[in-house]
Amino acid sequence: MRLRYRTLGLCLTLAVLLLAACSPPEPPAEVPPNIVFVLLDDVRWDDLGAGGHPWVQTPNFDRVAHEGALFTNAFATTPLCSPNRATILTGQYAHTHGITDNVDRSPQTHKLMTFPRLTHDAGYETAFIGKWHMGVDDTPRPGFDYWYSLQGQGYHFDPDVNENGERKKVEGYTTDVFGERAVEFVRKDRDQPFLLYLSHK
């Protein structure tokens, strides 16, 4: 009788081990996506080829529209520079985030809970490159590992920039300068996902 129980126990143990060995492997951990957000300044929906402009050629943005998402029924609740930028970054109405006009509210913008700040806290490497334009303060904001910003509106050529707290003059057309910095950030070797917020002048 004891031998029978031992044999049964051994068979059960062997069966469990075989099942464990034959069971499918754990699925791989989901890799968080990299995020590149590009903000164009003063561009209407119909300024792009994908938006129906009769002669403007915007092949790269058209490709993004066709392969990604094109929002054909979107609108800005406060279509003014600073409030709209704060709304994009926070997902809140202007009366909630407090940036209600183009008056210099620089100190307040350091307190905004932005989606780049949240992704940074979730383990992303984050960068802001471009025109902040919620006041004239060009100093780094919370939640960005890399900061490259114009002061206020900035200039189209040879802009003064703040790179991680250090002010410098850079030669070139501002759009090209921002594009080059963005490409450098994207191509950088890293072991974590990244978010790039590229805000053109």
N, C-alpha and C. Protein backbone atom coordinates (compact mmCIF):
# COMPACT_ATOMS: atom_id res chain seq x y z
N MET A 1 0.83 -1.20 0.00
CA MET A 1 0.00 0.00 0.00
C MET A 1 0.87 1.26 0.00
N ARG A 2 1.91 1.24 0.88
CA ARG A 2 2.80 2.40 0.92
C ARG A 2 3.49 2.61 -0.41
N LEU A 3 3.89 1.52 -1.04
CA LEU A 3 4.56 1.60 -2.33
C LEU A 3 3.63 2.22 -3.38
N ARG A 4 2.36 1.85 -3.30
CA ARG A 4 1.39 2.38 -4.24
C ARG A 4 1.26 3.90 -4.07
N TYR A 5 1.19 4.38 -2.81
CA TYR A 5 1.09 5.82 -2.55
C TYR A 5 2.35 6.55 -2.98
N ARG A 6 3.52 5.93 -2.73
CA ARG A 6 4.77 6.54 -3.16
C ARG A 6 4.81 6.65 -4.68
N THR A 7 4.38 5.57 -5.36
CA THR A 7 4.37 5.57 -6.82
C THR A 7 3.40 6.63 -7.34
N LEU A 8 2.23 6.73 -6.70
CA LEU A 8 1.24 7.74 -7.09
C LEU A 8 1.80 9.14 -6.85
N GLY A 9 2.44 9.35 -5.70
CA GLY A 9 3.04 10.65 -5.40
C GLY A 9 4.13 11.01 -6.39
N LEU A 10 4.96 10.03 -6.72
CA LEU A 10 6.03 10.24 -7.69
C LEU A 10 5.44 10.57 -9.06
N CYS A 11 4.39 9.88 -9.44
CA CYS A 11 3.74 10.14 -10.73
C CYS A 11 3.14 11.54 -10.77
N LEU A 12 2.49 11.94 -9.67
CA LEU A 12 1.91 13.28 -9.61
C LEU A 12 3.00 14.35 -9.69
N THR A 13 4.08 14.15 -8.95
CA THR A 13 5.19 15.11 -8.98
C THR A 13 5.76 15.20 -10.39
N LEU A 14 5.95 14.05 -11.02
CA LEU A 14 6.47 14.01 -12.38
C LEU A 14 5.51 14.69 -13.35
N ALA A 15 4.22 14.50 -13.16
CA ALA A 15 3.22 15.12 -14.04
C ALA A 15 3.26 16.65 -13.89
N VAL A 16 3.37 17.14 -12.66
CA VAL A 16 3.44 18.58 -12.41
C VAL A 16 4.69 19.15 -13.05
N LEU A 17 5.82 18.47 -12.90
CA LEU A 17 7.07 18.94 -13.51
C LEU A 17 6.98 18.95 -15.03
N LEU A 18 6.38 17.94 -15.60
CA LEU A 18 6.21 17.89 -17.06
C LEU A 18 5.30 19.01 -17.55
N LEU A 19 4.21 19.24 -16.80
CA LEU A 19 3.31 20.33 -17.19
C LEU A 19 4.01 21.68 -17.12
N ALA A 20 4.81 21.86 -16.06
CA ALA A 20 5.54 23.12 -15.92
C ALA A 20 6.54 23.30 -17.06
N ALA A 21 7.20 22.20 -17.42
CA ALA A 21 8.19 22.26 -18.49
C ALA A 21 7.54 22.49 -19.85
N CYS A 22 6.33 21.98 -20.04
CA CYS A 22 5.67 22.08 -21.34
C CYS A 22 4.76 23.30 -21.46
N SER A 23 4.50 23.98 -20.36
CA SER A 23 3.59 25.13 -20.44
C SER A 23 4.25 26.25 -21.23
N PRO A 24 3.44 27.08 -21.89
CA PRO A 24 4.01 28.14 -22.72
C PRO A 24 4.81 29.12 -21.85
N PRO A 25 5.85 29.71 -22.41
CA PRO A 25 6.65 30.66 -21.63
C PRO A 25 5.85 31.91 -21.33
N GLU A 26 6.30 32.63 -20.33
CA GLU A 26 5.67 33.89 -19.98
C GLU A 26 5.78 34.84 -21.17
N PRO A 27 4.72 35.58 -21.46
CA PRO A 27 4.82 36.53 -22.58
C PRO A 27 5.85 37.60 -22.24
N PRO A 28 6.54 38.13 -23.24
CA PRO A 28 7.54 39.17 -22.95
C PRO A 28 6.86 40.41 -22.39
N ALA A 29 7.59 41.10 -21.54
CA ALA A 29 7.06 42.33 -20.95
C ALA A 29 6.80 43.34 -22.08
N GLU A 30 5.71 44.06 -21.97
CA GLU A 30 5.36 45.04 -22.98
C GLU A 30 6.34 46.20 -22.92
N VAL A 31 6.90 46.57 -24.06
CA VAL A 31 7.86 47.66 -24.12
C VAL A 31 7.09 48.96 -24.34
N PRO A 32 7.28 49.94 -23.46
CA PRO A 32 6.57 51.21 -23.64
C PRO A 32 7.00 51.89 -24.94
N PRO A 33 6.09 52.55 -25.62
CA PRO A 33 6.45 53.20 -26.89
C PRO A 33 7.22 54.49 -26.65
N ASN A 34 8.07 54.85 -27.61
CA ASN A 34 8.67 56.18 -27.61
C ASN A 34 7.62 57.15 -28.13
N ILE A 35 7.69 58.40 -27.68
CA ILE A 35 6.70 59.40 -28.06
C ILE A 35 7.42 60.62 -28.61
N VAL A 36 7.01 61.05 -29.81
CA VAL A 36 7.51 62.29 -30.40
C VAL A 36 6.29 63.17 -30.67
N PHE A 37 6.23 64.29 -29.98
CA PHE A 37 5.12 65.24 -30.14
C PHE A 37 5.68 66.48 -30.81
N VAL A 38 5.11 66.86 -31.96
CA VAL A 38 5.58 68.03 -32.70
C VAL A 38 4.46 69.06 -32.71
N LEU A 39 4.77 70.26 -32.23
CA LEU A 39 3.81 71.36 -32.23
C LEU A 39 4.27 72.40 -33.24
N LEU A 40 3.39 72.70 -34.20
CA LEU A 40 3.68 73.75 -35.17
C LEU A 40 2.99 75.03 -34.72
N ASP A 41 3.64 76.15 -34.93
CA ASP A 41 3.11 77.43 -34.47
C ASP A 41 2.31 78.09 -35.59
N ASP A 42 1.09 78.51 -35.27
CA ASP A 42 0.26 79.27 -36.20
C ASP A 42 0.00 78.53 -37.51
N VAL A 43 -0.41 77.28 -37.42
CA VAL A 43 -0.75 76.50 -38.60
C VAL A 43 -2.22 76.11 -38.51
N ARG A 44 -2.99 76.52 -39.51
CA ARG A 44 -4.40 76.12 -39.57
C ARG A 44 -4.51 74.69 -40.06
N TRP A 45 -5.66 74.09 -39.85
CA TRP A 45 -5.90 72.71 -40.28
C TRP A 45 -5.75 72.55 -41.78
N ASP A 46 -6.09 73.58 -42.54
CA ASP A 46 -6.03 73.46 -44.00
C ASP A 46 -4.75 74.04 -44.59
N ASP A 47 -3.74 74.27 -43.75
CA ASP A 47 -2.43 74.72 -44.24
C ASP A 47 -1.57 73.55 -44.71
N LEU A 48 -2.02 72.32 -44.50
CA LEU A 48 -1.26 71.13 -44.87
C LEU A 48 -1.91 70.45 -46.06
N GLY A 49 -1.10 69.73 -46.82
CA GLY A 49 -1.65 68.97 -47.94
C GLY A 49 -2.72 68.00 -47.49
N ALA A 50 -2.48 67.32 -46.36
CA ALA A 50 -3.45 66.36 -45.84
C ALA A 50 -4.74 67.03 -45.40
N GLY A 51 -4.66 68.32 -45.13
CA GLY A 51 -5.86 69.07 -44.74
C GLY A 51 -6.61 69.64 -45.92
N GLY A 52 -6.06 69.44 -47.12
CA GLY A 52 -6.76 69.88 -48.31
C GLY A 52 -6.23 71.13 -48.97
N HIS A 53 -5.06 71.64 -48.56
CA HIS A 53 -4.53 72.84 -49.21
C HIS A 53 -4.26 72.55 -50.69
N PRO A 54 -4.68 73.46 -51.58
CA PRO A 54 -4.60 73.18 -53.01
C PRO A 54 -3.18 73.15 -53.59
N TRP A 55 -2.20 73.85 -52.99
CA TRP A 55 -0.87 73.85 -53.60
C TRP A 55 0.29 73.69 -52.62
N VAL A 56 0.08 73.85 -51.32
CA VAL A 56 1.17 73.65 -50.36
C VAL A 56 1.54 72.17 -50.33
N GLN A 57 2.83 71.89 -50.35
CA GLN A 57 3.29 70.51 -50.31
C GLN A 57 3.94 70.22 -48.96
N THR A 58 3.33 69.32 -48.21
CA THR A 58 3.83 68.94 -46.89
C THR A 58 3.90 67.42 -46.81
N PRO A 59 4.80 66.79 -47.57
CA PRO A 59 4.79 65.33 -47.66
C PRO A 59 5.05 64.62 -46.34
N ASN A 60 5.90 65.15 -45.49
CA ASN A 60 6.20 64.47 -44.23
C ASN A 60 5.01 64.51 -43.28
N PHE A 61 4.37 65.66 -43.17
CA PHE A 61 3.19 65.74 -42.31
C PHE A 61 2.02 64.97 -42.91
N ASP A 62 1.93 64.96 -44.23
CA ASP A 62 0.88 64.17 -44.88
C ASP A 62 1.07 62.68 -44.56
N ARG A 63 2.31 62.24 -44.56
CA ARG A 63 2.58 60.82 -44.25
C ARG A 63 2.17 60.50 -42.81
N VAL A 64 2.49 61.41 -41.88
CA VAL A 64 2.07 61.21 -40.49
C VAL A 64 0.55 61.14 -40.42
N ALA A 65 -0.12 62.02 -41.15
CA ALA A 65 -1.59 62.03 -41.14
C ALA A 65 -2.15 60.73 -41.69
N HIS A 66 -1.55 60.20 -42.75
CA HIS A 66 -2.08 59.00 -43.39
C HIS A 66 -1.72 57.73 -42.64
N GLU A 67 -0.54 57.68 -42.03
CA GLU A 67 -0.11 56.47 -41.32
C GLU A 67 -0.43 56.52 -39.83
N GLY A 68 -0.76 57.69 -39.34
CA GLY A 68 -1.06 57.84 -37.92
C GLY A 68 -2.51 58.26 -37.72
N ALA A 69 -2.68 59.45 -37.19
CA ALA A 69 -4.04 59.93 -36.91
C ALA A 69 -4.20 61.34 -37.45
N LEU A 70 -5.35 61.61 -38.02
CA LEU A 70 -5.71 62.94 -38.49
C LEU A 70 -7.04 63.30 -37.84
N PHE A 71 -7.02 64.29 -36.98
CA PHE A 71 -8.23 64.68 -36.27
C PHE A 71 -8.97 65.73 -37.11
N THR A 72 -10.08 65.34 -37.68
CA THR A 72 -10.80 66.22 -38.59
C THR A 72 -11.92 67.01 -37.91
N ASN A 73 -12.13 66.78 -36.64
CA ASN A 73 -13.20 67.48 -35.94
C ASN A 73 -12.69 67.97 -34.58
N ALA A 74 -11.48 68.53 -34.57
CA ALA A 74 -10.90 69.02 -33.33
C ALA A 74 -10.91 70.54 -33.34
N PHE A 75 -10.90 71.13 -32.16
CA PHE A 75 -10.88 72.58 -32.07
C PHE A 75 -10.19 72.99 -30.78
N ALA A 76 -9.74 74.24 -30.74
CA ALA A 76 -9.10 74.79 -29.54
C ALA A 76 -10.13 75.58 -28.76
N THR A 77 -10.22 75.30 -27.47
CA THR A 77 -11.20 76.03 -26.65
C THR A 77 -10.73 77.45 -26.36
N THR A 78 -9.43 77.68 -26.33
CA THR A 78 -8.88 79.02 -26.13
C THR A 78 -7.80 79.22 -27.18
N PRO A 79 -8.18 79.64 -28.41
CA PRO A 79 -7.22 79.72 -29.51
C PRO A 79 -6.32 80.95 -29.41
N LEU A 80 -5.49 80.95 -28.40
CA LEU A 80 -4.50 81.99 -28.16
C LEU A 80 -3.23 81.28 -27.73
N CYS A 81 -2.08 81.81 -28.10
CA CYS A 81 -0.80 81.08 -27.95
C CYS A 81 -0.61 80.42 -26.59
N SER A 82 -0.43 81.21 -25.55
CA SER A 82 -0.06 80.65 -24.25
C SER A 82 -1.12 79.72 -23.66
N PRO A 83 -2.41 80.12 -23.63
CA PRO A 83 -3.40 79.20 -23.07
C PRO A 83 -3.50 77.89 -23.85
N ASN A 84 -3.40 77.97 -25.18
CA ASN A 84 -3.50 76.76 -25.98
C ASN A 84 -2.32 75.83 -25.71
N ARG A 85 -1.12 76.38 -25.57
CA ARG A 85 0.05 75.57 -25.26
C ARG A 85 -0.10 74.89 -23.90
N ALA A 86 -0.59 75.63 -22.93
CA ALA A 86 -0.80 75.04 -21.60
C ALA A 86 -1.86 73.96 -21.63
N THR A 87 -2.89 74.14 -22.44
CA THR A 87 -3.94 73.14 -22.57
C THR A 87 -3.40 71.87 -23.21
N ILE A 88 -2.60 72.01 -24.25
CA ILE A 88 -2.00 70.83 -24.89
C ILE A 88 -1.14 70.06 -23.89
N LEU A 89 -0.35 70.77 -23.10
CA LEU A 89 0.57 70.12 -22.15
C LEU A 89 -0.14 69.49 -20.95
N THR A 90 -1.28 70.06 -20.54
CA THR A 90 -1.95 69.58 -19.33
C THR A 90 -3.23 68.81 -19.59
N GLY A 91 -3.86 69.03 -20.75
CA GLY A 91 -5.15 68.42 -21.00
C GLY A 91 -6.28 69.11 -20.26
N GLN A 92 -6.04 70.32 -19.77
CA GLN A 92 -7.04 71.05 -18.99
C GLN A 92 -7.50 72.30 -19.73
N TYR A 93 -8.69 72.77 -19.36
CA TYR A 93 -9.17 74.05 -19.86
C TYR A 93 -8.34 75.18 -19.24
N ALA A 94 -8.33 76.33 -19.92
CA ALA A 94 -7.55 77.48 -19.44
C ALA A 94 -7.99 77.92 -18.05
N HIS A 95 -9.31 77.87 -17.76
CA HIS A 95 -9.76 78.31 -16.44
C HIS A 95 -9.29 77.36 -15.34
N THR A 96 -8.87 76.15 -15.70
CA THR A 96 -8.35 75.20 -14.70
C THR A 96 -6.85 75.35 -14.54
N HIS A 97 -6.09 75.38 -15.64
CA HIS A 97 -4.62 75.49 -15.50
C HIS A 97 -4.16 76.91 -15.22
N GLY A 98 -5.00 77.91 -15.48
CA GLY A 98 -4.70 79.28 -15.07
C GLY A 98 -3.92 80.12 -16.07
N ILE A 99 -3.52 79.57 -17.19
CA ILE A 99 -2.83 80.36 -18.22
C ILE A 99 -3.93 80.81 -19.18
N THR A 100 -4.50 81.97 -18.92
CA THR A 100 -5.71 82.39 -19.62
C THR A 100 -5.46 83.41 -20.73
N ASP A 101 -4.23 83.92 -20.82
CA ASP A 101 -3.91 84.92 -21.84
C ASP A 101 -2.41 84.88 -22.11
N ASN A 102 -1.92 85.83 -22.89
CA ASN A 102 -0.50 85.85 -23.22
C ASN A 102 0.33 86.70 -22.27
N VAL A 103 -0.24 87.06 -21.13
CA VAL A 103 0.50 87.80 -20.11
C VAL A 103 1.58 86.87 -19.54
N ASP A 104 2.69 87.43 -19.12
CA ASP A 104 3.79 86.63 -18.59
C ASP A 104 3.39 85.96 -17.28
N ARG A 105 3.15 84.66 -17.35
CA ARG A 105 2.80 83.86 -16.17
C ARG A 105 3.88 82.80 -15.94
N SER A 106 5.13 83.21 -16.13
CA SER A 106 6.24 82.27 -16.05
C SER A 106 6.28 81.46 -14.76
N PRO A 107 6.15 82.09 -13.57
CA PRO A 107 6.21 81.28 -12.34
C PRO A 107 5.15 80.19 -12.29
N GLN A 108 3.97 80.49 -12.80
CA GLN A 108 2.88 79.53 -12.78
C GLN A 108 3.17 78.33 -13.68
N THR A 109 3.89 78.56 -14.78
CA THR A 109 4.15 77.47 -15.70
C THR A 109 5.13 76.44 -15.13
N HIS A 110 5.88 76.82 -14.10
CA HIS A 110 6.78 75.87 -13.43
C HIS A 110 5.98 74.89 -12.56
N LYS A 111 4.72 75.22 -12.27
CA LYS A 111 3.89 74.38 -11.40
C LYS A 111 2.94 73.47 -12.16
N LEU A 112 2.85 73.65 -13.47
CA LEU A 112 1.89 72.86 -14.26
C LEU A 112 2.23 71.37 -14.21
N MET A 113 1.20 70.54 -14.06
CA MET A 113 1.38 69.09 -14.15
C MET A 113 1.14 68.71 -15.61
N THR A 114 2.23 68.53 -16.34
CA THR A 114 2.16 68.27 -17.78
C THR A 114 2.29 66.79 -18.07
N PHE A 115 1.87 66.39 -19.28
CA PHE A 115 2.02 64.98 -19.63
C PHE A 115 3.49 64.59 -19.79
N PRO A 116 4.42 65.48 -20.22
CA PRO A 116 5.82 65.09 -20.20
C PRO A 116 6.34 64.86 -18.77
N ARG A 117 5.84 65.64 -17.85
CA ARG A 117 6.24 65.46 -16.44
C ARG A 117 5.77 64.10 -15.92
N LEU A 118 4.56 63.71 -16.28
CA LEU A 118 4.03 62.41 -15.85
C LEU A 118 4.78 61.25 -16.51
N THR A 119 5.12 61.40 -17.80
CA THR A 119 5.88 60.33 -18.44
C THR A 119 7.29 60.25 -17.87
N HIS A 120 7.86 61.40 -17.51
CA HIS A 120 9.17 61.39 -16.85
C HIS A 120 9.10 60.61 -15.54
N ASP A 121 8.06 60.87 -14.77
CA ASP A 121 7.89 60.17 -13.49
C ASP A 121 7.64 58.68 -13.69
N ALA A 122 7.17 58.29 -14.89
CA ALA A 122 6.92 56.88 -15.20
C ALA A 122 8.15 56.19 -15.78
N GLY A 123 9.29 56.89 -15.82
CA GLY A 123 10.52 56.26 -16.26
C GLY A 123 11.00 56.63 -17.65
N TYR A 124 10.35 57.58 -18.29
CA TYR A 124 10.78 58.03 -19.61
C TYR A 124 11.91 59.06 -19.50
N GLU A 125 12.78 59.08 -20.51
CA GLU A 125 13.71 60.19 -20.66
C GLU A 125 13.00 61.23 -21.51
N THR A 126 12.94 62.47 -21.04
CA THR A 126 12.12 63.49 -21.69
C THR A 126 12.96 64.68 -22.15
N ALA A 127 12.50 65.31 -23.23
CA ALA A 127 13.18 66.50 -23.75
C ALA A 127 12.16 67.50 -24.24
N PHE A 128 12.43 68.77 -23.95
CA PHE A 128 11.68 69.87 -24.57
C PHE A 128 12.66 70.62 -25.44
N ILE A 129 12.29 70.78 -26.71
CA ILE A 129 13.10 71.53 -27.66
C ILE A 129 12.18 72.49 -28.37
N GLY A 130 12.46 73.81 -28.24
CA GLY A 130 11.67 74.75 -29.00
C GLY A 130 11.21 75.98 -28.25
N LYS A 131 10.05 76.43 -28.67
CA LYS A 131 9.44 77.66 -28.17
C LYS A 131 8.43 77.30 -27.09
N TRP A 132 8.70 77.68 -25.85
CA TRP A 132 7.79 77.42 -24.73
C TRP A 132 6.63 78.41 -24.78
N HIS A 133 6.95 79.68 -24.84
CA HIS A 133 6.00 80.78 -25.00
C HIS A 133 4.79 80.74 -24.08
N MET A 134 5.07 80.62 -22.81
CA MET A 134 4.07 80.92 -21.79
C MET A 134 4.78 81.86 -20.83
N GLY A 135 4.98 83.07 -21.29
CA GLY A 135 5.82 84.02 -20.59
C GLY A 135 7.17 84.09 -21.29
N VAL A 136 8.09 84.83 -20.73
CA VAL A 136 9.41 85.01 -21.36
C VAL A 136 10.49 84.17 -20.69
N ASP A 137 10.18 83.53 -19.60
CA ASP A 137 11.13 82.71 -18.86
C ASP A 137 11.52 81.48 -19.67
N ASP A 138 12.81 81.34 -19.95
CA ASP A 138 13.28 80.21 -20.74
C ASP A 138 13.98 79.15 -19.89
N THR A 139 13.84 79.23 -18.59
CA THR A 139 14.54 78.27 -17.73
C THR A 139 13.84 76.90 -17.75
N PRO A 140 14.60 75.83 -17.48
CA PRO A 140 14.02 74.48 -17.55
C PRO A 140 12.81 74.31 -16.63
N ARG A 141 11.83 73.53 -17.14
CA ARG A 141 10.63 73.22 -16.37
C ARG A 141 10.75 71.82 -15.80
N PRO A 142 10.00 71.55 -14.71
CA PRO A 142 10.03 70.21 -14.10
C PRO A 142 9.57 69.13 -15.08
N GLY A 143 10.22 67.98 -15.01
CA GLY A 143 9.82 66.84 -15.81
C GLY A 143 10.58 66.68 -17.11
N PHE A 144 11.54 67.56 -17.38
CA PHE A 144 12.33 67.43 -18.61
C PHE A 144 13.78 67.16 -18.26
N ASP A 145 14.31 66.07 -18.81
CA ASP A 145 15.72 65.75 -18.62
C ASP A 145 16.61 66.64 -19.48
N TYR A 146 16.10 67.01 -20.65
CA TYR A 146 16.86 67.88 -21.55
C TYR A 146 15.97 69.06 -21.92
N TRP A 147 16.52 70.26 -21.81
CA TRP A 147 15.77 71.49 -22.06
C TRP A 147 16.54 72.36 -23.03
N TYR A 148 15.87 72.76 -24.12
CA TYR A 148 16.50 73.60 -25.14
C TYR A 148 15.43 74.57 -25.63
N SER A 149 15.45 75.80 -25.10
CA SER A 149 14.31 76.68 -25.32
C SER A 149 14.71 78.10 -25.71
N LEU A 150 13.82 78.73 -26.46
CA LEU A 150 13.93 80.15 -26.76
C LEU A 150 13.44 80.96 -25.58
N GLN A 151 13.90 82.20 -25.49
CA GLN A 151 13.34 83.11 -24.50
C GLN A 151 12.18 83.85 -25.16
N GLY A 152 10.99 83.73 -24.60
CA GLY A 152 9.81 84.36 -25.18
C GLY A 152 9.57 83.88 -26.60
N GLN A 153 9.41 84.83 -27.53
CA GLN A 153 9.18 84.50 -28.94
C GLN A 153 10.45 84.05 -29.66
N GLY A 154 11.59 84.56 -29.22
CA GLY A 154 12.85 84.21 -29.86
C GLY A 154 12.96 84.84 -31.24
N TYR A 155 13.95 84.36 -32.00
CA TYR A 155 14.22 84.91 -33.33
C TYR A 155 14.23 83.77 -34.35
N HIS A 156 13.97 84.11 -35.60
CA HIS A 156 13.97 83.11 -36.67
C HIS A 156 15.38 82.69 -37.07
N PHE A 157 16.34 83.60 -36.91
CA PHE A 157 17.73 83.30 -37.28
C PHE A 157 18.66 83.58 -36.10
N ASP A 158 19.69 82.76 -35.97
CA ASP A 158 20.70 82.91 -34.93
C ASP A 158 20.08 83.14 -33.55
N PRO A 159 19.27 82.19 -33.08
CA PRO A 159 18.54 82.40 -31.84
C PRO A 159 19.41 82.31 -30.59
N ASP A 160 18.96 83.01 -29.55
CA ASP A 160 19.51 82.83 -28.20
C ASP A 160 18.71 81.69 -27.59
N VAL A 161 19.39 80.70 -27.06
CA VAL A 161 18.70 79.55 -26.46
C VAL A 161 19.19 79.30 -25.04
N ASN A 162 18.35 78.63 -24.29
CA ASN A 162 18.72 78.15 -22.96
C ASN A 162 18.83 76.64 -23.06
N GLU A 163 20.04 76.12 -22.94
CA GLU A 163 20.26 74.68 -22.99
C GLU A 163 20.59 74.19 -21.59
N ASN A 164 19.60 73.54 -20.97
CA ASN A 164 19.74 73.00 -19.62
C ASN A 164 20.25 74.04 -18.62
N GLY A 165 19.76 75.28 -18.75
CA GLY A 165 20.12 76.33 -17.80
C GLY A 165 21.25 77.23 -18.24
N GLU A 166 21.88 76.93 -19.37
CA GLU A 166 22.98 77.75 -19.87
C GLU A 166 22.54 78.48 -21.13
N ARG A 167 22.64 79.83 -21.11
CA ARG A 167 22.23 80.62 -22.27
C ARG A 167 23.38 80.74 -23.26
N LYS A 168 23.02 80.61 -24.56
CA LYS A 168 24.03 80.71 -25.62
C LYS A 168 23.38 81.18 -26.90
N LYS A 169 24.19 81.72 -27.79
CA LYS A 169 23.70 82.09 -29.13
C LYS A 169 24.09 80.98 -30.08
N VAL A 170 23.13 80.59 -30.94
CA VAL A 170 23.34 79.51 -31.89
C VAL A 170 23.16 80.08 -33.29
N GLU A 171 24.01 79.67 -34.22
CA GLU A 171 23.90 80.15 -35.59
C GLU A 171 22.98 79.25 -36.41
N GLY A 172 22.18 79.88 -37.26
CA GLY A 172 21.33 79.12 -38.16
C GLY A 172 19.87 79.51 -38.08
N TYR A 173 19.09 78.89 -38.96
CA TYR A 173 17.64 79.09 -38.99
C TYR A 173 17.04 78.29 -37.85
N THR A 174 16.22 78.90 -37.04
CA THR A 174 15.72 78.30 -35.80
C THR A 174 15.08 76.93 -36.03
N THR A 175 14.29 76.78 -37.08
CA THR A 175 13.65 75.49 -37.36
C THR A 175 14.69 74.41 -37.59
N ASP A 176 15.75 74.75 -38.33
CA ASP A 176 16.82 73.78 -38.56
C ASP A 176 17.56 73.44 -37.27
N VAL A 177 17.82 74.45 -36.47
CA VAL A 177 18.51 74.24 -35.19
C VAL A 177 17.71 73.29 -34.31
N PHE A 178 16.41 73.53 -34.18
CA PHE A 178 15.56 72.65 -33.37
C PHE A 178 15.53 71.24 -33.95
N GLY A 179 15.41 71.14 -35.28
CA GLY A 179 15.37 69.83 -35.92
C GLY A 179 16.63 69.03 -35.66
N GLU A 180 17.79 69.68 -35.74
CA GLU A 180 19.06 68.99 -35.48
C GLU A 180 19.15 68.49 -34.05
N ARG A 181 18.73 69.33 -33.09
CA ARG A 181 18.75 68.91 -31.67
C ARG A 181 17.79 67.74 -31.45
N ALA A 182 16.64 67.80 -32.11
CA ALA A 182 15.65 66.73 -31.96
C ALA A 182 16.20 65.40 -32.48
N VAL A 183 16.85 65.43 -33.63
CA VAL A 183 17.41 64.21 -34.20
C VAL A 183 18.50 63.66 -33.28
N GLU A 184 19.35 64.53 -32.72
CA GLU A 184 20.39 64.09 -31.78
C GLU A 184 19.76 63.39 -30.58
N PHE A 185 18.67 63.96 -30.06
CA PHE A 185 18.02 63.37 -28.89
C PHE A 185 17.43 62.00 -29.23
N VAL A 186 16.76 61.89 -30.35
CA VAL A 186 16.12 60.64 -30.74
C VAL A 186 17.15 59.54 -30.97
N ARG A 187 18.28 59.88 -31.58
CA ARG A 187 19.30 58.88 -31.92
C ARG A 187 20.22 58.50 -30.76
N LYS A 188 20.09 59.16 -29.65
CA LYS A 188 20.96 58.90 -28.51
C LYS A 188 20.75 57.48 -27.99
N ASP A 189 21.84 56.81 -27.59
CA ASP A 189 21.74 55.47 -26.99
C ASP A 189 21.13 55.59 -25.60
N ARG A 190 20.14 54.73 -25.33
CA ARG A 190 19.48 54.77 -24.01
C ARG A 190 18.87 53.41 -23.73
N ASP A 191 18.60 53.16 -22.45
CA ASP A 191 17.99 51.91 -22.01
C ASP A 191 16.55 52.11 -21.56
N GLN A 192 15.96 53.24 -21.87
CA GLN A 192 14.60 53.54 -21.43
C GLN A 192 13.84 54.19 -22.57
N PRO A 193 12.52 54.20 -22.50
CA PRO A 193 11.74 54.88 -23.54
C PRO A 193 11.94 56.39 -23.43
N PHE A 194 11.63 57.11 -24.51
CA PHE A 194 11.80 58.57 -24.47
C PHE A 194 10.54 59.27 -24.94
N LEU A 195 10.43 60.52 -24.51
CA LEU A 195 9.40 61.44 -25.00
C LEU A 195 10.10 62.71 -25.45
N LEU A 196 9.88 63.10 -26.69
CA LEU A 196 10.40 64.35 -27.22
C LEU A 196 9.23 65.27 -27.50
N TYR A 197 9.26 66.47 -26.91
CA TYR A 197 8.26 67.49 -27.18
C TYR A 197 8.97 68.58 -27.99
N LEU A 198 8.72 68.60 -29.30
CA LEU A 198 9.37 69.52 -30.22
C LEU A 198 8.38 70.60 -30.59
N SER A 199 8.68 71.83 -30.17
CA SER A 199 7.75 72.94 -30.32
C SER A 199 8.37 74.00 -31.22
N HIS A 200 8.00 73.97 -32.49
CA HIS A 200 8.63 74.90 -33.45
C HIS A 200 8.13 76.32 -33.30
N LYS A 201 8.98 77.25 -33.75
CA LYS A 201 8.62 78.68 -33.75
C LYS A 201 7.78 78.96 -34.97
